[in-house]
Protein backbone atom coordinates (compact mmCIF):
# COMPACT_ATOMS: atom_id res chain seq x y z
CA MET A 1 -6.10 -2.33 -21.92
CA LYS A 2 -5.32 -4.73 -19.70
CA ALA A 3 -7.89 -4.83 -16.09
CA SER A 4 -7.01 -6.71 -12.74
CA THR A 5 -9.54 -6.40 -9.77
CA PHE A 6 -8.36 -6.51 -6.03
CA VAL A 7 -10.18 -10.11 -4.20
CA TYR A 8 -9.59 -10.97 -0.25
CA PRO A 9 -9.70 -14.99 -0.52
CA TRP A 10 -12.74 -15.09 1.84
CA ASP A 11 -14.13 -13.87 -0.94
CA VAL A 12 -13.55 -16.60 -3.39
CA ASN A 13 -13.05 -19.96 -1.19
CA GLY A 14 -16.70 -21.21 0.35
CA ASP A 15 -18.30 -19.40 -2.73
CA PRO A 16 -18.17 -21.99 -6.11
CA GLU A 17 -19.87 -19.19 -8.39
CA ALA A 18 -17.06 -16.51 -7.20
CA PRO A 19 -14.20 -17.42 -10.00
CA ALA A 20 -16.15 -17.20 -13.11
CA ARG A 21 -18.32 -14.42 -11.50
CA ILE A 22 -14.67 -12.55 -11.41
CA ALA A 23 -13.94 -13.53 -14.65
CA GLY A 24 -17.25 -12.60 -16.08
CA LEU A 25 -16.40 -8.87 -15.47
CA GLY A 26 -13.82 -8.70 -18.14
CA VAL A 27 -10.64 -8.56 -16.16
CA GLN A 28 -7.73 -10.58 -17.27
CA GLN A 29 -5.73 -10.69 -13.70
CA VAL A 30 -6.66 -10.81 -9.91
CA THR A 31 -4.77 -9.08 -7.58
CA LEU A 32 -4.97 -11.67 -4.56
CA ALA A 33 -4.38 -11.21 -0.89
CA ALA A 34 -1.19 -13.01 0.19
CA ALA A 35 -0.70 -10.69 3.10
CA TYR A 36 -3.42 -8.21 4.42
CA HIS A 37 -3.69 -5.87 7.47
CA SER A 38 -6.47 -6.51 9.69
CA THR A 39 -10.15 -5.31 8.27
CA ARG A 40 -13.20 -5.85 8.81
CA ALA A 41 -14.87 -6.80 5.11
CA LEU A 42 -18.49 -7.03 3.75
CA THR A 43 -19.30 -10.41 1.52
CA PRO A 44 -22.57 -9.30 -0.09
CA ARG A 45 -22.84 -12.78 -1.85
CA HIS A 46 -20.83 -15.37 -0.30
CA PRO A 47 -23.24 -18.17 0.50
CA ARG A 48 -21.61 -18.56 4.03
CA HIS A 49 -21.39 -15.36 5.50
CA ARG A 50 -21.99 -11.11 4.71
CA ILE A 51 -19.21 -9.66 6.95
CA VAL A 52 -15.29 -10.98 7.66
CA THR A 53 -13.30 -9.76 10.28
CA ALA A 54 -9.56 -10.04 10.32
CA GLU A 55 -8.27 -9.11 13.87
CA HIS A 56 -4.72 -8.23 12.67
CA ALA A 57 -2.03 -8.47 9.86
CA ALA A 58 -1.76 -11.94 8.76
CA VAL A 59 -0.32 -13.80 5.64
CA LEU A 60 -2.78 -15.89 4.45
CA TYR A 61 -0.34 -19.18 3.40
CA PRO A 62 1.72 -21.43 6.27
CA THR A 63 5.00 -19.50 6.27
CA ASP A 64 8.54 -21.36 5.47
CA GLU A 65 11.62 -21.83 7.97
CA ARG A 66 12.91 -18.91 7.18
CA TRP A 67 11.29 -17.43 10.42
CA GLU A 68 12.41 -20.13 12.51
CA GLY A 69 13.96 -18.09 15.87
CA ARG A 70 13.39 -14.83 15.07
CA PRO A 71 11.38 -12.43 16.68
CA LEU A 72 9.72 -9.87 14.24
CA ARG A 73 8.30 -12.55 11.97
CA PRO A 74 4.40 -12.75 10.10
CA TYR A 75 1.53 -13.70 12.21
CA PRO A 76 -0.74 -16.76 10.47
CA ALA A 77 -4.40 -15.64 9.86
CA GLY A 78 -7.03 -17.20 12.32
CA ASP A 79 -10.55 -18.27 11.39
CA TRP A 80 -11.04 -15.53 8.60
CA ALA A 81 -8.07 -17.50 6.52
CA PRO A 82 -7.37 -20.72 7.92
CA GLY A 83 -4.50 -22.71 6.33
CA ASP A 84 -3.57 -21.78 2.69
CA ALA A 85 -6.54 -19.56 1.62
CA TYR A 86 -4.35 -17.59 -0.67
CA GLY A 87 -3.43 -21.10 -2.30
CA GLU A 88 -6.66 -22.53 -2.43
CA ALA A 89 -8.33 -18.98 -4.17
CA ALA A 90 -5.28 -18.91 -6.25
CA THR A 91 -6.26 -22.19 -7.83
CA ALA A 92 -9.90 -21.76 -8.10
CA LEU A 93 -8.85 -18.58 -9.99
CA ALA A 94 -6.77 -19.52 -12.20
CA ASP A 95 -9.12 -22.32 -13.18
CA ALA A 96 -11.34 -20.19 -14.03
CA GLY A 97 -8.91 -18.37 -16.94
CA LEU A 98 -7.64 -15.69 -14.95
CA ASP A 99 -3.55 -14.78 -14.05
CA VAL A 100 -3.07 -14.44 -10.17
CA HIS A 101 -1.19 -12.22 -8.91
CA THR A 102 -0.26 -11.74 -5.18
CA TRP A 103 -1.37 -8.45 -3.05
CA VAL A 104 1.19 -7.94 -0.44
CA VAL A 105 0.76 -5.64 2.51
CA LEU A 106 4.46 -4.30 3.92
CA ALA A 107 4.99 -1.29 6.50
CA HIS A 108 2.01 -1.80 8.17
CA ASN A 109 0.80 -3.73 10.84
CA SER A 110 -1.05 -2.92 14.12
CA ARG A 111 -0.05 -5.82 15.90
CA LEU A 112 3.59 -6.47 15.59
CA GLY A 113 3.73 -2.44 16.49
CA ALA A 114 1.52 -4.04 20.24
CA GLU A 115 3.55 -6.49 20.65
CA HIS A 116 6.93 -5.37 19.39
CA PRO A 117 6.34 -1.35 20.25
CA GLY A 118 10.05 -0.97 19.69
CA THR A 119 9.43 -1.42 16.12
CA SER A 120 6.99 1.89 15.56
CA VAL A 121 7.18 5.12 14.63
CA VAL A 122 7.39 7.89 17.33
CA ASN A 123 6.09 11.12 16.73
CA ALA A 124 7.67 14.56 17.76
CA TYR A 125 5.62 14.45 20.44
CA GLY A 126 6.70 11.02 21.44
CA ASP A 127 3.31 9.40 20.73
CA ARG A 128 4.32 5.71 18.85
CA TYR A 129 2.06 4.39 15.83
CA PRO A 130 1.65 0.77 16.31
CA TRP A 131 0.28 0.66 12.90
CA ALA A 132 3.61 1.92 11.31
CA PRO A 133 6.77 -0.12 11.32
CA CYS A 134 9.42 2.92 11.42
CA ILE A 135 11.54 0.96 7.73
CA ALA A 136 14.89 2.57 9.15
CA GLN A 137 15.51 0.13 12.20
CA PRO A 138 17.37 -3.13 10.45
CA ALA A 139 15.67 -5.48 12.32
CA THR A 140 12.21 -4.25 10.80
CA ARG A 141 13.91 -3.59 6.93
CA ALA A 142 15.12 -7.58 7.13
CA TYR A 143 11.68 -8.56 8.09
CA LEU A 144 10.08 -6.75 5.27
CA VAL A 145 11.94 -7.54 2.86
CA ASP A 146 11.69 -11.47 3.72
CA LEU A 147 8.51 -10.93 4.00
CA ALA A 148 7.91 -9.34 0.68
CA ALA A 149 9.91 -12.59 -0.75
CA GLU A 150 7.72 -14.86 0.65
CA ALA A 151 4.36 -13.62 0.52
CA ALA A 152 5.06 -12.51 -3.38
CA VAL A 153 6.28 -15.41 -4.45
CA ARG A 154 3.33 -18.02 -4.40
CA PRO A 155 3.39 -20.89 -6.33
CA GLY A 156 1.67 -20.49 -9.53
CA ALA A 157 1.76 -16.09 -9.50
CA GLY A 158 2.73 -14.20 -12.39
CA GLY A 159 3.47 -11.05 -10.41
CA THR A 160 3.47 -9.26 -7.33
CA GLU A 161 2.02 -5.78 -6.31
CA LEU A 162 3.39 -4.73 -3.22
CA GLU A 163 1.57 -1.96 -0.77
CA SER A 164 2.88 0.19 1.78
CA LEU A 165 6.88 -0.20 0.96
CA GLY A 166 8.18 3.13 2.71
CA TRP A 167 6.66 5.22 5.04
CA TYR A 168 3.88 5.52 6.99
CA GLY A 169 2.01 8.08 8.97
CA LEU A 170 -0.71 9.19 11.30
CA GLN A 171 -3.08 8.35 8.44
CA HIS A 172 -4.65 5.37 9.59
CA LEU A 173 -7.98 4.27 9.45
CA HIS A 174 -8.09 2.27 13.16
CA ALA A 175 -10.88 1.03 15.02
CA HIS A 176 -13.51 4.22 15.91
CA ASP A 177 -11.09 6.64 14.55
CA LYS A 178 -11.24 10.12 15.89
CA THR A 179 -8.08 12.03 14.64
CA ALA A 180 -9.99 14.20 12.01
CA GLY A 181 -10.97 17.53 13.79
CA VAL A 182 -8.11 19.51 13.26
CA GLY A 183 -7.26 19.30 9.58
CA LEU A 184 -3.69 18.51 8.47
CA GLY A 185 -2.70 19.54 5.34
CA ASP A 186 0.05 18.24 3.76
CA ALA A 187 2.53 20.16 5.76
CA GLY A 188 1.23 18.86 8.63
CA GLN A 189 0.92 15.08 7.84
CA TYR A 190 4.86 15.20 7.19
CA LEU A 191 5.70 16.64 10.13
CA MET A 192 3.71 14.37 12.12
CA ALA A 193 4.90 11.25 9.89
CA LEU A 194 8.77 12.07 11.25
CA CYS A 195 9.90 9.61 13.35
CA PHE A 196 12.08 10.09 16.32
CA CYS A 197 12.94 5.92 17.33
CA SER A 198 16.43 5.88 18.07
CA THR A 199 17.40 4.77 14.49
CA CYS A 200 15.67 7.74 12.84
CA ARG A 201 17.44 10.28 15.29
CA ASP A 202 20.90 8.64 14.67
CA GLY A 203 19.90 9.20 10.58
CA TYR A 204 18.83 12.82 11.74
CA GLY A 205 22.31 13.02 12.89
CA ALA A 206 24.08 11.61 10.25
CA GLN A 207 22.33 15.18 7.73
CA GLY A 208 23.63 17.53 10.37
CA LEU A 209 20.57 17.95 12.97
CA ASP A 210 20.19 17.68 16.44
CA ALA A 211 17.26 15.46 16.94
CA ASP A 212 15.95 16.96 20.07
CA GLU A 213 16.49 20.50 18.14
CA LEU A 214 14.21 19.08 15.23
CA ALA A 215 11.44 17.32 17.30
CA ALA A 216 11.29 20.96 19.13
CA ALA A 217 11.16 22.51 16.11
CA VAL A 218 8.23 20.13 15.16
CA ARG A 219 6.14 20.88 17.83
CA THR A 220 6.72 24.27 17.38
CA ALA A 221 5.95 24.05 13.88
CA LEU A 222 2.64 22.17 14.46
CA GLU A 223 1.30 24.50 17.15
CA PRO A 224 -0.74 27.04 15.36
CA LEU A 225 -2.13 24.02 12.92
CA TRP A 226 -3.60 22.80 16.40
CA GLN A 227 -4.96 26.00 16.99
CA GLY A 228 -7.23 25.88 13.65
CA ALA A 229 -4.44 27.74 11.75
CA PRO A 230 -4.77 26.60 7.59
CA ASP A 231 -2.21 23.96 7.02
CA ASP A 232 -0.54 25.60 3.91
CA GLY A 233 0.36 22.22 2.47
CA SER A 234 2.55 20.68 -0.29
CA TRP A 235 6.58 20.89 0.32
CA ALA A 236 6.53 25.02 0.18
CA GLY A 237 4.25 24.60 3.30
CA VAL A 238 6.98 22.39 4.78
CA GLU A 239 9.66 24.40 4.67
CA LYS A 240 7.66 27.19 5.92
CA LEU A 241 7.19 25.37 8.97
CA LEU A 242 10.53 24.02 9.18
CA GLY A 243 13.01 26.16 7.53
CA GLU A 244 14.51 25.53 4.51
CA ALA A 245 17.69 23.34 5.20
CA THR A 246 16.06 21.60 8.08
CA ALA A 247 13.39 19.95 5.76
CA ALA A 248 15.29 19.46 3.40
CA ALA A 249 17.82 17.22 5.60
CA THR A 250 14.66 15.21 7.08
CA ARG A 251 13.74 14.41 3.62
CA ALA A 252 17.05 13.52 2.72
CA TRP A 253 17.24 10.94 5.38
CA ARG A 254 14.13 9.69 4.58
CA ASP A 255 14.08 9.45 1.05
CA ASP A 256 17.11 7.31 1.10
CA THR A 257 15.75 5.11 3.74
CA ALA A 258 12.97 4.45 1.42
CA ARG A 259 14.48 4.27 -1.53
CA THR A 260 16.94 1.77 -0.43
CA LEU A 261 14.29 -0.38 1.41
CA GLN A 262 12.37 -0.49 -2.11
CA GLU A 263 15.58 -1.53 -3.58
CA ALA A 264 16.31 -4.23 -1.52
CA ALA A 265 12.45 -5.54 -1.64
CA VAL A 266 12.52 -6.00 -5.18
CA ALA A 267 15.78 -7.24 -5.61
CA ALA A 268 14.51 -9.94 -2.83
CA VAL A 269 11.37 -11.20 -4.99
CA ARG A 270 13.47 -10.89 -8.16
CA ALA A 271 15.70 -13.46 -6.32
CA ALA A 272 12.93 -15.77 -5.46
CA ALA A 273 10.94 -15.48 -8.33
CA PRO A 274 11.05 -17.22 -11.50
CA GLU A 275 11.79 -15.80 -14.73
CA GLY A 276 9.20 -13.04 -15.82
CA PHE A 277 7.62 -12.44 -12.81
CA GLN A 278 6.50 -8.81 -12.72
CA ILE A 279 7.46 -6.35 -9.75
CA LEU A 280 4.49 -3.29 -9.26
CA LEU A 281 4.59 -1.27 -6.44
CA HIS A 282 1.58 1.10 -5.02
CA ALA A 283 3.21 4.48 -5.05
CA ASP A 284 2.61 8.35 -5.10
CA PRO A 285 4.95 10.27 -7.30
CA VAL A 286 5.25 12.83 -4.25
CA THR A 287 8.68 11.32 -2.52
CA TYR A 288 7.45 13.30 0.65
CA HIS A 289 3.49 11.72 1.51
CA VAL A 290 2.91 8.36 3.14
CA GLY A 291 0.77 5.76 3.57
CA ALA A 292 -0.18 2.88 1.52
CA ASN A 293 0.96 4.32 -1.29
CA PRO A 294 4.19 5.76 -0.27
CA GLY A 295 6.20 8.41 -1.92
CA VAL A 296 8.77 7.92 -4.30
CA ASP A 297 10.75 9.33 -6.56
CA PRO A 298 9.07 8.05 -10.73
CA ALA A 299 12.75 7.69 -12.02
CA HIS A 300 13.93 6.05 -9.65
CA ILE A 301 11.15 3.13 -9.09
CA LEU A 302 10.89 2.53 -12.69
CA SER A 303 14.37 1.94 -12.51
CA VAL A 304 13.75 -0.73 -9.90
CA ALA A 305 10.40 -2.49 -10.39
CA ASP A 306 8.48 -3.36 -13.50
CA GLY A 307 6.04 -0.36 -12.61
CA VAL A 308 3.46 1.17 -10.52
CA VAL A 309 0.13 1.12 -9.55
CA VAL A 310 -1.00 4.61 -9.04
CA PRO A 311 -4.04 5.75 -6.77
CA CYS A 312 -6.35 7.76 -9.14
CA ALA A 313 -9.67 8.21 -6.66
CA GLY A 314 -8.77 12.40 -6.56
CA GLY A 315 -8.78 11.71 -10.41
CA PRO A 316 -5.49 10.90 -12.68
CA GLY A 317 -3.33 13.59 -11.97
CA LEU A 318 -1.01 11.20 -10.20
CA LEU A 319 -0.20 8.96 -13.37
CA THR A 320 1.96 11.80 -15.49
CA PRO A 321 4.98 11.91 -13.39
CA PHE A 322 5.34 8.14 -14.12
CA THR A 323 4.20 7.95 -17.62
CA GLU A 324 6.59 11.23 -18.33
CA GLN A 325 9.80 9.25 -17.55
CA GLY A 326 9.08 7.44 -21.38
CA ARG A 327 9.71 4.08 -20.23
CA ALA A 328 7.93 2.22 -22.64
CA ASP A 329 8.25 -1.05 -21.33
CA ALA A 330 7.26 0.47 -17.81
CA VAL A 331 3.13 -1.08 -16.33
CA VAL A 332 1.71 2.33 -15.14
CA ALA A 333 -1.47 0.70 -13.65
CA ALA A 334 -4.70 3.30 -12.66
CA ASN A 335 -6.12 2.20 -9.58
CA LEU A 336 -9.90 3.31 -9.92
CA GLY A 337 -12.11 2.62 -7.43
CA VAL A 338 -15.65 0.79 -8.68
CA VAL A 339 -17.12 0.48 -5.01
CA SER A 340 -20.20 3.04 -5.00
CA GLY A 341 -20.92 2.90 -1.32
CA MET A 342 -16.53 3.38 -0.46
CA GLY A 343 -16.75 6.65 -2.85
CA GLY A 344 -15.98 4.63 -6.28
CA SER A 345 -17.98 5.48 -9.46
CA PRO A 346 -18.39 2.12 -11.43
CA ASP A 347 -20.78 4.09 -13.58
CA THR A 348 -18.15 6.04 -15.23
CA LEU A 349 -15.35 3.39 -15.47
CA ALA A 350 -15.27 3.50 -19.29
CA ALA A 351 -14.46 7.42 -19.64
CA ASP A 352 -12.20 7.11 -16.19
CA ALA A 353 -10.67 4.39 -17.94
CA ALA A 354 -10.26 6.34 -20.99
CA ARG A 355 -8.98 9.54 -20.00
CA ALA A 356 -5.73 7.48 -17.78
CA ARG A 357 -4.96 5.82 -20.82
CA ASP A 358 -4.68 9.26 -22.60
CA LEU A 359 -2.57 10.14 -19.94
CA GLY A 360 -0.42 7.10 -20.41
CA ALA A 361 -1.72 4.62 -18.47
CA THR A 362 -1.03 1.01 -19.38
CA GLU A 363 -3.03 -1.19 -17.27
CA LEU A 364 -6.05 -0.65 -14.67
CA ARG A 365 -6.49 -1.72 -11.37
CA LEU A 366 -10.42 -2.19 -10.08
CA TYR A 367 -10.50 -1.90 -5.84
CA HIS A 368 -12.78 -3.87 -5.26
CA ALA A 369 -14.71 -7.30 -6.64
CA GLY A 370 -15.22 -8.81 -3.42
CA LEU A 371 -16.81 -5.69 -2.20
CA ALA A 372 -19.12 -4.18 -4.52
CA SER A 373 -22.92 -4.48 -5.24
CA ASP A 374 -24.12 -6.58 -7.93
CA ALA A 375 -25.32 -3.27 -9.38
CA ASP A 376 -21.18 -1.89 -9.22
CA LEU A 377 -20.53 -5.33 -10.69
CA GLU A 378 -23.18 -4.51 -13.99
CA ALA A 379 -21.47 -1.32 -14.18
CA VAL A 380 -17.87 -2.58 -14.33
CA ARG A 381 -19.12 -5.45 -16.46
CA LYS A 382 -20.85 -2.52 -19.15
CA GLY A 383 -17.62 -0.39 -18.57
CA LEU A 384 -14.58 -2.73 -19.07
CA SER A 385 -17.03 -4.37 -22.42
CA GLY A 386 -16.68 -0.75 -23.60
CA LEU A 387 -12.80 -0.62 -23.75
C-alpha cells in the first residue's frame, strides 16, 4: 500500500539529514508544499531553527510571466522560503529515492482577502472572510485555475494534490481564534458559509431566489443557534432552518460553482503536465461541506481527477462514498494524522491503515513528517513496516 507523507520545503532545506530520514520512514513518496497558506510551524530536528513563521499565503517557487499586469497574482514567500525553496527541497528528496508530488493550497488566502477585499466570501450579516476567496467570481476563478496549473506542475513532479479547491467557510484556524463560543454543527456552518457577494447574489437570482430575502432568512434561521439552541446538523437541519426549496436552490448554485471550478482547474493542470501526471483533490464526500477538504460529488470528481485524498482524522467512514464508485483505477488515499501532539495516532498507524484498506483505500497520506516528534516518526516506521 503506497504511502506518502506531507512535507514543507523548510523541513528539508538546510537540513542535510532530512531526505534520508524521511525516506527511512518507509514511504515511497512525499507531498511537498509548492503553494501554501500562512502558518507557524514547528521544526523539531532542524539544525538552524525550531519555528518557521510563514506570514502569509505564498508560492514557494519563482512565478512565471503569466502573472504580469494582473491584479490577482500569487505572493512570493519571504525569508521562510526564499528563492526556489520548493525546487531545492524537491531535488534533495528525489536524490534520496523519493517520488515528489506537489501540494497546492488554493482557495485559502488571507493576504489576498486583505489586499483585495472584494474577492472574499461575504456572509449573510455582511461580514467578509478574508481567508476565503469567493470561488464564484470570474477573476478569482481565473486566478485559482492558473495558480493550480503553475504550482502543480513543477519540474520533476510526478503528480499533485490540490487542497481547498472549492468553497471555504467560517472554519479557519486564525491567529488567536475565538469563534468556538457557540457550537455550530453542519447546518450552522453551511448557513455561515453562504456567500452574498454580488456574483453570488446574481447566482441565487438565477436559481429563483431573492438575495435580500435569502440573507434575511439565513439570519433568522441562525438566531436560535446564537441563543444556544442545538444545531440539528446534517442537510435535514439546513432544510428545517431554510425550507427545502430554498435550501436546495442555494446548494444547486454552490455545487455547480464548485464542480465547474474543479473541472477547469484539473483541465488546466492536465494541459500543462507531462503524460502520466497524477492529479488528486483533497475532498469530502458531502457536497455542502466547506474548508480545506471541500465537499464534492464522489462520482463526478472521480470522473474528473485521478483520485482523492480523504480526511480520516475522525475515522475512515468518509472513504466509503468514494470506494463504492467502483473505479478500479482511481486513487483513494486515506489521510491519517501521525503527529500525536496535534491529535494524530502514530501508534495505531498499522491498524488504521489496515482498516482503511479494508474499506477500499488504495494509498495512505501521513500528516506530517516535518511536524512530528522523533517518537512519532519511530512509530510511523514501525507501522509502515508491518503493512
